[in-house]
């Protein structure tokens, strides 16, 4: 028996049933779902970090994007609101395109 104890995509149970396997699962309450999405996001970010090939990286980014869409849905935030927050932060602090890697800052 494999134990997962994690959030899975909506059609995974159908895949398991198609293989003739049985499972135990339940539907999470919104407060539980937010926590599970956060944990899954860390899992997917780690997989993105460890990906060696472009295709694998894109797959992991797609999973992260799907989790972002799920998270804003549970939080009751529209994608437009999320995007507006992203744009605001970009204007205030910039993006990450320059690849600046800060080593340290001297104390005054």
PDB file of N, CA and C in Angstrom:
ATOM      1  N   UNK A   1       0.845  -1.176   0.000  1.00  0.00           N
ATOM      2  CA  UNK A   1       0.000   0.000   0.000  1.00  0.00           C
ATOM      3  C   UNK A   1       0.893   1.242   0.000  1.00  0.00           C
ATOM      4  N   UNK A   2       0.612   2.146  -0.919  1.00  0.00           N
ATOM      5  CA  UNK A   2       1.318   3.420  -0.974  1.00  0.00           C
ATOM      6  C   UNK A   2       0.503   4.470  -0.235  1.00  0.00           C
ATOM      7  N   UNK A   3       1.155   5.249   0.618  1.00  0.00           N
ATOM      8  CA  UNK A   3       0.496   6.306   1.371  1.00  0.00           C
ATOM      9  C   UNK A   3       0.962   7.645   0.810  1.00  0.00           C
ATOM     10  N   UNK A   4       0.008   8.519   0.512  1.00  0.00           N
ATOM     11  CA  UNK A   4       0.335   9.805  -0.102  1.00  0.00           C
ATOM     12  C   UNK A   4       0.067  10.991   0.818  1.00  0.00           C
ATOM     13  N   UNK A   5      -1.117  11.043   1.433  1.00  0.00           N
ATOM     14  CA  UNK A   5      -1.478  12.157   2.306  1.00  0.00           C
ATOM     15  C   UNK A   5      -1.134  13.508   1.692  1.00  0.00           C
ATOM     16  N   UNK A   6      -1.629  13.759   0.496  1.00  0.00           N
ATOM     17  CA  UNK A   6      -1.370  15.029  -0.174  1.00  0.00           C
ATOM     18  C   UNK A   6      -2.490  15.348  -1.153  1.00  0.00           C
ATOM     19  N   UNK A   7      -2.551  16.595  -1.542  1.00  0.00           N
ATOM     20  CA  UNK A   7      -3.497  17.068  -2.542  1.00  0.00           C
ATOM     21  C   UNK A   7      -3.117  16.493  -3.897  1.00  0.00           C
ATOM     22  N   UNK A   8      -4.108  16.012  -4.630  1.00  0.00           N
ATOM     23  CA  UNK A   8      -3.874  15.488  -5.979  1.00  0.00           C
ATOM     24  C   UNK A   8      -4.842  16.152  -6.950  1.00  0.00           C
ATOM     25  N   UNK A   9      -4.523  16.045  -8.226  1.00  0.00           N
ATOM     26  CA  UNK A   9      -5.392  16.622  -9.255  1.00  0.00           C
ATOM     27  C   UNK A   9      -6.754  15.933  -9.264  1.00  0.00           C
ATOM     28  N   UNK A  10      -7.750  16.660  -9.761  1.00  0.00           N
ATOM     29  CA  UNK A  10      -9.148  16.232  -9.677  1.00  0.00           C
ATOM     30  C   UNK A  10      -9.452  14.892 -10.345  1.00  0.00           C
ATOM     31  N   UNK A  11      -8.735  14.517 -11.375  1.00  0.00           N
ATOM     32  CA  UNK A  11      -9.050  13.281 -12.098  1.00  0.00           C
ATOM     33  C   UNK A  11      -8.206  12.084 -11.674  1.00  0.00           C
ATOM     34  N   UNK A  12      -7.373  12.254 -10.659  1.00  0.00           N
ATOM     35  CA  UNK A  12      -6.488  11.169 -10.223  1.00  0.00           C
ATOM     36  C   UNK A  12      -7.278   9.967  -9.722  1.00  0.00           C
ATOM     37  N   UNK A  13      -8.380  10.192  -9.032  1.00  0.00           N
ATOM     38  CA  UNK A  13      -9.175   9.067  -8.535  1.00  0.00           C
ATOM     39  C   UNK A  13      -9.725   8.235  -9.684  1.00  0.00           C
ATOM     40  N   UNK A  14     -10.097   8.887 -10.779  1.00  0.00           N
ATOM     41  CA  UNK A  14     -10.563   8.155 -11.962  1.00  0.00           C
ATOM     42  C   UNK A  14      -9.441   7.296 -12.540  1.00  0.00           C
ATOM     43  N   UNK A  15      -8.237   7.816 -12.541  1.00  0.00           N
ATOM     44  CA  UNK A  15      -7.077   7.076 -13.042  1.00  0.00           C
ATOM     45  C   UNK A  15      -6.838   5.851 -12.166  1.00  0.00           C
ATOM     46  N   UNK A  16      -6.936   6.024 -10.857  1.00  0.00           N
ATOM     47  CA  UNK A  16      -6.730   4.913  -9.925  1.00  0.00           C
ATOM     48  C   UNK A  16      -7.792   3.842 -10.138  1.00  0.00           C
ATOM     49  N   UNK A  17      -9.056   4.273 -10.261  1.00  0.00           N
ATOM     50  CA  UNK A  17     -10.158   3.320 -10.494  1.00  0.00           C
ATOM     51  C   UNK A  17      -9.983   2.577 -11.812  1.00  0.00           C
ATOM     52  N   UNK A  18      -9.536   3.260 -12.850  1.00  0.00           N
ATOM     53  CA  UNK A  18      -9.335   2.635 -14.160  1.00  0.00           C
ATOM     54  C   UNK A  18      -8.282   1.529 -14.090  1.00  0.00           C
ATOM     55  N   UNK A  19      -7.384   1.628 -13.126  1.00  0.00           N
ATOM     56  CA  UNK A  19      -6.362   0.598 -12.937  1.00  0.00           C
ATOM     57  C   UNK A  19      -6.865  -0.534 -12.054  1.00  0.00           C
ATOM     58  N   UNK A  20      -8.136  -0.431 -11.617  1.00  0.00           N
ATOM     59  CA  UNK A  20      -8.720  -1.465 -10.776  1.00  0.00           C
ATOM     60  C   UNK A  20      -8.248  -1.415  -9.335  1.00  0.00           C
ATOM     61  N   UNK A  21      -7.748  -0.286  -8.901  1.00  0.00           N
ATOM     62  CA  UNK A  21      -7.240  -0.146  -7.540  1.00  0.00           C
ATOM     63  C   UNK A  21      -8.272   0.552  -6.663  1.00  0.00           C
ATOM     64  N   UNK A  22      -8.201   0.308  -5.374  1.00  0.00           N
ATOM     65  CA  UNK A  22      -9.078   1.008  -4.439  1.00  0.00           C
ATOM     66  C   UNK A  22      -8.251   2.050  -3.688  1.00  0.00           C
ATOM     67  N   UNK A  23      -8.931   3.001  -3.070  1.00  0.00           N
ATOM     68  CA  UNK A  23      -8.254   4.108  -2.411  1.00  0.00           C
ATOM     69  C   UNK A  23      -9.113   4.647  -1.284  1.00  0.00           C
ATOM     70  N   UNK A  24      -8.515   5.449  -0.445  1.00  0.00           N
ATOM     71  CA  UNK A  24      -9.221   6.235   0.563  1.00  0.00           C
ATOM     72  C   UNK A  24      -8.874   7.692   0.286  1.00  0.00           C
ATOM     73  N   UNK A  25      -9.896   8.538   0.249  1.00  0.00           N
ATOM     74  CA  UNK A  25      -9.710   9.963  -0.014  1.00  0.00           C
ATOM     75  C   UNK A  25     -10.890  10.714   0.589  1.00  0.00           C
ATOM     76  N   UNK A  26     -10.743  11.997   0.767  1.00  0.00           N
ATOM     77  CA  UNK A  26     -11.866  12.833   1.193  1.00  0.00           C
ATOM     78  C   UNK A  26     -11.692  14.237   0.627  1.00  0.00           C
ATOM     79  N   UNK A  27     -12.779  14.981   0.621  1.00  0.00           N
ATOM     80  CA  UNK A  27     -12.785  16.352   0.114  1.00  0.00           C
ATOM     81  C   UNK A  27     -12.412  17.289   1.259  1.00  0.00           C
ATOM     82  N   UNK A  28     -11.456  18.159   1.001  1.00  0.00           N
ATOM     83  CA  UNK A  28     -10.982  19.085   2.019  1.00  0.00           C
ATOM     84  C   UNK A  28     -11.910  20.283   2.172  1.00  0.00           C
ATOM     85  N   UNK A  29     -12.027  20.757   3.401  1.00  0.00           N
ATOM     86  CA  UNK A  29     -12.728  22.006   3.680  1.00  0.00           C
ATOM     87  C   UNK A  29     -11.842  23.154   3.178  1.00  0.00           C
ATOM     88  N   UNK A  30     -12.417  24.329   2.881  1.00  0.00           N
ATOM     89  CA  UNK A  30     -11.610  25.434   2.350  1.00  0.00           C
ATOM     90  C   UNK A  30     -10.359  25.760   3.164  1.00  0.00           C
ATOM     91  N   UNK A  31     -10.465  25.776   4.495  1.00  0.00           N
ATOM     92  CA  UNK A  31      -9.284  26.093   5.309  1.00  0.00           C
ATOM     93  C   UNK A  31      -8.221  25.004   5.182  1.00  0.00           C
ATOM     94  N   UNK A  32      -8.643  23.763   5.074  1.00  0.00           N
ATOM     95  CA  UNK A  32      -7.706  22.656   4.877  1.00  0.00           C
ATOM     96  C   UNK A  32      -7.107  22.720   3.475  1.00  0.00           C
ATOM     97  N   UNK A  33      -7.929  23.113   2.516  1.00  0.00           N
ATOM     98  CA  UNK A  33      -7.495  23.162   1.124  1.00  0.00           C
ATOM     99  C   UNK A  33      -6.396  24.200   0.928  1.00  0.00           C
ATOM    100  N   UNK A  34      -6.526  25.351   1.547  1.00  0.00           N
ATOM    101  CA  UNK A  34      -5.487  26.378   1.425  1.00  0.00           C
ATOM    102  C   UNK A  34      -4.160  25.826   1.933  1.00  0.00           C
ATOM    103  N   UNK A  35      -4.185  25.164   3.079  1.00  0.00           N
ATOM    104  CA  UNK A  35      -2.963  24.579   3.645  1.00  0.00           C
ATOM    105  C   UNK A  35      -2.400  23.503   2.722  1.00  0.00           C
ATOM    106  N   UNK A  36      -3.270  22.672   2.155  1.00  0.00           N
ATOM    107  CA  UNK A  36      -2.826  21.609   1.250  1.00  0.00           C
ATOM    108  C   UNK A  36      -2.247  22.179  -0.040  1.00  0.00           C
ATOM    109  N   UNK A  37      -2.836  23.260  -0.541  1.00  0.00           N
ATOM    110  CA  UNK A  37      -2.307  23.921  -1.745  1.00  0.00           C
ATOM    111  C   UNK A  37      -0.913  24.475  -1.463  1.00  0.00           C
ATOM    112  N   UNK A  38      -0.735  25.081  -0.307  1.00  0.00           N
ATOM    113  CA  UNK A  38       0.583  25.614   0.057  1.00  0.00           C
ATOM    114  C   UNK A  38       1.624  24.498   0.107  1.00  0.00           C
ATOM    115  N   UNK A  39       1.270  23.367   0.714  1.00  0.00           N
ATOM    116  CA  UNK A  39       2.197  22.230   0.794  1.00  0.00           C
ATOM    117  C   UNK A  39       2.505  21.692  -0.600  1.00  0.00           C
ATOM    118  N   UNK A  40       1.478  21.597  -1.427  1.00  0.00           N
ATOM    119  CA  UNK A  40       1.664  21.094  -2.793  1.00  0.00           C
ATOM    120  C   UNK A  40       2.518  22.063  -3.605  1.00  0.00           C
ATOM    121  N   UNK A  41       2.353  23.359  -3.368  1.00  0.00           N
ATOM    122  CA  UNK A  41       3.152  24.352  -4.079  1.00  0.00           C
ATOM    123  C   UNK A  41       4.637  24.181  -3.736  1.00  0.00           C
ATOM    124  N   UNK A  42       4.933  23.902  -2.474  1.00  0.00           N
ATOM    125  CA  UNK A  42       6.327  23.651  -2.078  1.00  0.00           C
ATOM    126  C   UNK A  42       6.851  22.406  -2.781  1.00  0.00           C
ATOM    127  N   UNK A  43       6.034  21.362  -2.829  1.00  0.00           N
ATOM    128  CA  UNK A  43       6.424  20.126  -3.528  1.00  0.00           C
ATOM    129  C   UNK A  43       6.733  20.408  -4.998  1.00  0.00           C
ATOM    130  N   UNK A  44       5.850  21.127  -5.662  1.00  0.00           N
ATOM    131  CA  UNK A  44       6.039  21.414  -7.086  1.00  0.00           C
ATOM    132  C   UNK A  44       7.217  22.362  -7.315  1.00  0.00           C
ATOM    133  N   UNK A  45       7.412  23.327  -6.419  1.00  0.00           N
ATOM    134  CA  UNK A  45       8.558  24.232  -6.543  1.00  0.00           C
ATOM    135  C   UNK A  45       9.862  23.464  -6.388  1.00  0.00           C
ATOM    136  N   UNK A  46       9.879  22.493  -5.489  1.00  0.00           N
ATOM    137  CA  UNK A  46      11.069  21.649  -5.320  1.00  0.00           C
ATOM    138  C   UNK A  46      11.322  20.840  -6.589  1.00  0.00           C
ATOM    139  N   UNK A  47      10.267  20.304  -7.174  1.00  0.00           N
ATOM    140  CA  UNK A  47      10.416  19.539  -8.416  1.00  0.00           C
ATOM    141  C   UNK A  47      10.898  20.445  -9.548  1.00  0.00           C
ATOM    142  N   UNK A  48      10.428  21.686  -9.585  1.00  0.00           N
ATOM    143  CA  UNK A  48      10.907  22.649 -10.579  1.00  0.00           C
ATOM    144  C   UNK A  48      12.392  22.925 -10.357  1.00  0.00           C
ATOM    145  N   UNK A  49      12.776  23.106  -9.119  1.00  0.00           N
ATOM    146  CA  UNK A  49      14.172  23.358  -8.759  1.00  0.00           C
ATOM    147  C   UNK A  49      15.067  22.200  -9.202  1.00  0.00           C
ATOM    148  N   UNK A  50      14.571  20.986  -9.063  1.00  0.00           N
ATOM    149  CA  UNK A  50      15.367  19.797  -9.379  1.00  0.00           C
ATOM    150  C   UNK A  50      15.295  19.379 -10.845  1.00  0.00           C
ATOM    151  N   UNK A  51      14.388  19.964 -11.611  1.00  0.00           N
ATOM    152  CA  UNK A  51      14.222  19.581 -13.023  1.00  0.00           C
ATOM    153  C   UNK A  51      15.508  19.857 -13.799  1.00  0.00           C
ATOM    154  N   UNK A  52      15.891  18.896 -14.632  1.00  0.00           N
ATOM    155  CA  UNK A  52      17.127  19.003 -15.399  1.00  0.00           C
ATOM    156  C   UNK A  52      16.901  19.434 -16.845  1.00  0.00           C
ATOM    157  N   UNK A  53      15.687  19.259 -17.327  1.00  0.00           N
ATOM    158  CA  UNK A  53      15.396  19.530 -18.733  1.00  0.00           C
ATOM    159  C   UNK A  53      14.286  20.579 -18.855  1.00  0.00           C
ATOM    160  N   UNK A  54      14.314  21.290 -19.954  1.00  0.00           N
ATOM    161  CA  UNK A  54      13.333  22.349 -20.205  1.00  0.00           C
ATOM    162  C   UNK A  54      11.909  21.810 -20.118  1.00  0.00           C
ATOM    163  N   UNK A  55      11.659  20.645 -20.719  1.00  0.00           N
ATOM    164  CA  UNK A  55      10.307  20.079 -20.737  1.00  0.00           C
ATOM    165  C   UNK A  55       9.819  19.789 -19.324  1.00  0.00           C
ATOM    166  N   UNK A  56      10.703  19.239 -18.493  1.00  0.00           N
ATOM    167  CA  UNK A  56      10.333  18.956 -17.106  1.00  0.00           C
ATOM    168  C   UNK A  56      10.069  20.252 -16.343  1.00  0.00           C
ATOM    169  N   UNK A  57      10.885  21.257 -16.591  1.00  0.00           N
ATOM    170  CA  UNK A  57      10.699  22.555 -15.938  1.00  0.00           C
ATOM    171  C   UNK A  57       9.342  23.153 -16.300  1.00  0.00           C
ATOM    172  N   UNK A  58       8.979  23.074 -17.571  1.00  0.00           N
ATOM    173  CA  UNK A  58       7.696  23.611 -18.029  1.00  0.00           C
ATOM    174  C   UNK A  58       6.541  22.841 -17.382  1.00  0.00           C
ATOM    175  N   UNK A  59       6.663  21.515 -17.279  1.00  0.00           N
ATOM    176  CA  UNK A  59       5.629  20.700 -16.624  1.00  0.00           C
ATOM    177  C   UNK A  59       5.427  21.143 -15.172  1.00  0.00           C
ATOM    178  N   UNK A  60       6.515  21.354 -14.463  1.00  0.00           N
ATOM    179  CA  UNK A  60       6.420  21.764 -13.062  1.00  0.00           C
ATOM    180  C   UNK A  60       5.845  23.171 -12.948  1.00  0.00           C
ATOM    181  N   UNK A  61       6.238  24.068 -13.846  1.00  0.00           N
ATOM    182  CA  UNK A  61       5.660  25.419 -13.843  1.00  0.00           C
ATOM    183  C   UNK A  61       4.157  25.377 -14.105  1.00  0.00           C
ATOM    184  N   UNK A  62       3.726  24.485 -14.986  1.00  0.00           N
ATOM    185  CA  UNK A  62       2.291  24.334 -15.260  1.00  0.00           C
ATOM    186  C   UNK A  62       1.552  23.873 -14.002  1.00  0.00           C
ATOM    187  N   UNK A  63       2.172  22.966 -13.251  1.00  0.00           N
ATOM    188  CA  UNK A  63       1.565  22.516 -11.995  1.00  0.00           C
ATOM    189  C   UNK A  63       1.464  23.675 -11.003  1.00  0.00           C
ATOM    190  N   UNK A  64       2.511  24.478 -10.911  1.00  0.00           N
ATOM    191  CA  UNK A  64       2.509  25.634 -10.014  1.00  0.00           C
ATOM    192  C   UNK A  64       1.424  26.624 -10.433  1.00  0.00           C
ATOM    193  N   UNK A  65       1.298  26.870 -11.730  1.00  0.00           N
ATOM    194  CA  UNK A  65       0.267  27.791 -12.221  1.00  0.00           C
ATOM    195  C   UNK A  65      -1.131  27.263 -11.903  1.00  0.00           C
ATOM    196  N   UNK A  66      -1.330  25.955 -12.056  1.00  0.00           N
ATOM    197  CA  UNK A  66      -2.627  25.353 -11.723  1.00  0.00           C
ATOM    198  C   UNK A  66      -2.930  25.554 -10.238  1.00  0.00           C
ATOM    199  N   UNK A  67      -1.914  25.393  -9.396  1.00  0.00           N
ATOM    200  CA  UNK A  67      -2.089  25.604  -7.961  1.00  0.00           C
ATOM    201  C   UNK A  67      -2.399  27.065  -7.642  1.00  0.00           C
ATOM    202  N   UNK A  68      -1.793  27.978  -8.377  1.00  0.00           N
ATOM    203  CA  UNK A  68      -2.085  29.398  -8.182  1.00  0.00           C
ATOM    204  C   UNK A  68      -3.554  29.666  -8.500  1.00  0.00           C
ATOM    205  N   UNK A  69      -4.038  29.117  -9.601  1.00  0.00           N
ATOM    206  CA  UNK A  69      -5.451  29.297  -9.959  1.00  0.00           C
ATOM    207  C   UNK A  69      -6.359  28.706  -8.883  1.00  0.00           C
ATOM    208  N   UNK A  70      -6.006  27.541  -8.348  1.00  0.00           N
ATOM    209  CA  UNK A  70      -6.807  26.935  -7.280  1.00  0.00           C
ATOM    210  C   UNK A  70      -6.777  27.787  -6.022  1.00  0.00           C
ATOM    211  N   UNK A  71      -5.594  28.281  -5.671  1.00  0.00           N
ATOM    212  CA  UNK A  71      -5.451  29.083  -4.451  1.00  0.00           C
ATOM    213  C   UNK A  71      -6.272  30.360  -4.512  1.00  0.00           C
ATOM    214  N   UNK A  72      -6.208  31.077  -5.623  1.00  0.00           N
ATOM    215  CA  UNK A  72      -6.973  32.329  -5.691  1.00  0.00           C
ATOM    216  C   UNK A  72      -8.473  32.044  -5.690  1.00  0.00           C
ATOM    217  N   UNK A  73      -8.863  30.897  -6.246  1.00  0.00           N
ATOM    218  CA  UNK A  73     -10.276  30.521  -6.198  1.00  0.00           C
ATOM    219  C   UNK A  73     -10.750  30.293  -4.771  1.00  0.00           C
ATOM    220  N   UNK A  74      -9.952  29.573  -3.989  1.00  0.00           N
ATOM    221  CA  UNK A  74     -10.307  29.309  -2.597  1.00  0.00           C
ATOM    222  C   UNK A  74     -10.281  30.594  -1.770  1.00  0.00           C
ATOM    223  N   UNK A  75      -9.331  31.469  -2.064  1.00  0.00           N
ATOM    224  CA  UNK A  75      -9.215  32.727  -1.323  1.00  0.00           C
ATOM    225  C   UNK A  75     -10.240  33.772  -1.764  1.00  0.00           C
ATOM    226  N   UNK A  76     -10.930  33.506  -2.873  1.00  0.00           N
ATOM    227  CA  UNK A  76     -11.934  34.443  -3.365  1.00  0.00           C
ATOM    228  C   UNK A  76     -11.325  35.660  -4.046  1.00  0.00           C
ATOM    229  N   UNK A  77     -10.173  35.440  -4.688  1.00  0.00           N
ATOM    230  CA  UNK A  77      -9.469  36.510  -5.388  1.00  0.00           C
ATOM    231  C   UNK A  77      -9.495  36.188  -6.875  1.00  0.00           C
ATOM    232  N   UNK A  78      -9.733  37.183  -7.705  1.00  0.00           N
ATOM    233  CA  UNK A  78      -9.726  36.950  -9.148  1.00  0.00           C
ATOM    234  C   UNK A  78      -8.293  36.963  -9.670  1.00  0.00           C
ATOM    235  N   UNK A  79      -8.103  36.379 -10.843  1.00  0.00           N
ATOM    236  CA  UNK A  79      -6.778  36.412 -11.455  1.00  0.00           C
ATOM    237  C   UNK A  79      -6.385  37.852 -11.755  1.00  0.00           C
ATOM    238  N   UNK A  80      -7.361  38.679 -12.090  1.00  0.00           N
ATOM    239  CA  UNK A  80      -7.092  40.087 -12.365  1.00  0.00           C
ATOM    240  C   UNK A  80      -6.566  40.805 -11.110  1.00  0.00           C
ATOM    241  N   UNK A  81      -7.133  40.467  -9.953  1.00  0.00           N
ATOM    242  CA  UNK A  81      -6.645  41.054  -8.705  1.00  0.00           C
ATOM    243  C   UNK A  81      -5.220  40.596  -8.409  1.00  0.00           C
ATOM    244  N   UNK A  82      -4.960  39.327  -8.636  1.00  0.00           N
ATOM    245  CA  UNK A  82      -3.610  38.802  -8.442  1.00  0.00           C
ATOM    246  C   UNK A  82      -2.631  39.491  -9.378  1.00  0.00           C
ATOM    247  N   UNK A  83      -3.031  39.635 -10.626  1.00  0.00           N
ATOM    248  CA  UNK A  83      -2.173  40.289 -11.613  1.00  0.00           C
ATOM    249  C   UNK A  83      -1.933  41.750 -11.248  1.00  0.00           C
ATOM    250  N   UNK A  84      -2.937  42.430 -10.740  1.00  0.00           N
ATOM    251  CA  UNK A  84      -2.774  43.823 -10.327  1.00  0.00           C
ATOM    252  C   UNK A  84      -1.767  43.926  -9.181  1.00  0.00           C
ATOM    253  N   UNK A  85      -1.798  42.977  -8.265  1.00  0.00           N
ATOM    254  CA  UNK A  85      -0.830  42.946  -7.165  1.00  0.00           C
ATOM    255  C   UNK A  85       0.572  42.695  -7.699  1.00  0.00           C
ATOM    256  N   UNK A  86       0.690  41.783  -8.668  1.00  0.00           N
ATOM    257  CA  UNK A  86       1.986  41.505  -9.279  1.00  0.00           C
ATOM    258  C   UNK A  86       2.548  42.754  -9.948  1.00  0.00           C
ATOM    259  N   UNK A  87       1.699  43.453 -10.714  1.00  0.00           N
ATOM    260  CA  UNK A  87       2.125  44.665 -11.419  1.00  0.00           C
ATOM    261  C   UNK A  87       2.536  45.744 -10.424  1.00  0.00           C
ATOM    262  N   UNK A  88       1.766  45.909  -9.357  1.00  0.00           N
ATOM    263  CA  UNK A  88       2.096  46.895  -8.330  1.00  0.00           C
ATOM    264  C   UNK A  88       3.473  46.604  -7.729  1.00  0.00           C
ATOM    265  N   UNK A  89       3.713  45.356  -7.357  1.00  0.00           N
ATOM    266  CA  UNK A  89       4.995  44.982  -6.763  1.00  0.00           C
ATOM    267  C   UNK A  89       6.133  45.142  -7.763  1.00  0.00           C
ATOM    268  N   UNK A  90       5.865  44.846  -9.025  1.00  0.00           N
ATOM    269  CA  UNK A  90       6.890  44.999 -10.066  1.00  0.00           C
ATOM    270  C   UNK A  90       7.277  46.467 -10.225  1.00  0.00           C
ATOM    271  N   UNK A  91       6.264  47.350 -10.220  1.00  0.00           N
ATOM    272  CA  UNK A  91       6.545  48.782 -10.349  1.00  0.00           C
ATOM    273  C   UNK A  91       7.324  49.284  -9.137  1.00  0.00           C
ATOM    274  N   UNK A  92       6.982  48.800  -7.963  1.00  0.00           N
ATOM    275  CA  UNK A  92       7.618  49.266  -6.737  1.00  0.00           C
ATOM    276  C   UNK A  92       9.032  48.711  -6.556  1.00  0.00           C
ATOM    277  N   UNK A  93       9.241  47.434  -6.920  1.00  0.00           N
ATOM    278  CA  UNK A  93      10.515  46.777  -6.610  1.00  0.00           C
ATOM    279  C   UNK A  93      11.183  46.119  -7.803  1.00  0.00           C
ATOM    280  N   UNK A  94      10.502  46.106  -8.937  1.00  0.00           N
ATOM    281  CA  UNK A  94      11.063  45.486 -10.129  1.00  0.00           C
ATOM    282  C   UNK A  94      10.706  44.014 -10.226  1.00  0.00           C
ATOM    283  N   UNK A  95      11.174  43.414 -11.324  1.00  0.00           N
ATOM    284  CA  UNK A  95      10.957  41.986 -11.542  1.00  0.00           C
ATOM    285  C   UNK A  95      12.219  41.219 -11.172  1.00  0.00           C
ATOM    286  N   UNK A  96      12.471  40.144 -11.893  1.00  0.00           N
ATOM    287  CA  UNK A  96      13.644  39.314 -11.635  1.00  0.00           C
ATOM    288  C   UNK A  96      14.465  39.070 -12.893  1.00  0.00           C
ATOM    289  N   UNK A  97      14.154  39.798 -13.970  1.00  0.00           N
ATOM    290  CA  UNK A  97      14.799  39.551 -15.261  1.00  0.00           C
ATOM    291  C   UNK A  97      16.302  39.816 -15.268  1.00  0.00           C
ATOM    292  N   UNK A  98      16.762  40.753 -14.464  1.00  0.00           N
ATOM    293  CA  UNK A  98      18.185  41.103 -14.475  1.00  0.00           C
ATOM    294  C   UNK A  98      19.051  40.041 -13.803  1.00  0.00           C
ATOM    295  N   UNK A  99      18.439  39.165 -13.060  1.00  0.00           N
ATOM    296  CA  UNK A  99      19.195  38.089 -12.423  1.00  0.00           C
ATOM    297  C   UNK A  99      20.109  38.565 -11.303  1.00  0.00           C
ATOM    298  N   UNK A 100      19.713  39.579 -10.582  1.00  0.00           N
ATOM    299  CA  UNK A 100      20.535  40.112  -9.491  1.00  0.00           C
ATOM    300  C   UNK A 100      20.509  39.143  -8.313  1.00  0.00           C
ATOM    301  N   UNK A 101      21.700  38.755  -7.872  1.00  0.00           N
ATOM    302  CA  UNK A 101      21.860  37.831  -6.747  1.00  0.00           C
ATOM    303  C   UNK A 101      22.583  38.589  -5.637  1.00  0.00           C
ATOM    304  N   UNK A 102      21.842  39.035  -4.636  1.00  0.00           N
ATOM    305  CA  UNK A 102      22.401  39.861  -3.561  1.00  0.00           C
ATOM    306  C   UNK A 102      23.198  38.998  -2.599  1.00  0.00           C
ATOM    307  N   UNK A 103      24.453  39.350  -2.377  1.00  0.00           N
ATOM    308  CA  UNK A 103      25.316  38.601  -1.473  1.00  0.00           C
ATOM    309  C   UNK A 103      25.159  39.130  -0.035  1.00  0.00           C
ATOM    310  N   UNK A 104      25.362  40.411   0.161  1.00  0.00           N
ATOM    311  CA  UNK A 104      25.223  40.989   1.482  1.00  0.00           C
ATOM    312  C   UNK A 104      25.069  42.494   1.387  1.00  0.00           C
ATOM    313  N   UNK A 105      24.745  43.106   2.518  1.00  0.00           N
ATOM    314  CA  UNK A 105      24.629  44.559   2.626  1.00  0.00           C
ATOM    315  C   UNK A 105      25.330  44.952   3.913  1.00  0.00           C
ATOM    316  N   UNK A 106      26.245  45.919   3.814  1.00  0.00           N
ATOM    317  CA  UNK A 106      26.968  46.370   5.002  1.00  0.00           C
ATOM    318  C   UNK A 106      26.040  47.131   5.921  1.00  0.00           C
ATOM    319  N   UNK A 107      26.184  46.893   7.213  1.00  0.00           N
ATOM    320  CA  UNK A 107      25.429  47.642   8.217  1.00  0.00           C
ATOM    321  C   UNK A 107      25.983  49.057   8.296  1.00  0.00           C
ATOM    322  N   UNK A 108      25.139  49.995   8.690  1.00  0.00           N
ATOM    323  CA  UNK A 108      25.587  51.394   8.825  1.00  0.00           C
ATOM    324  C   UNK A 108      26.307  51.608  10.139  1.00  0.00           C
TER     325      UNK A 108
END
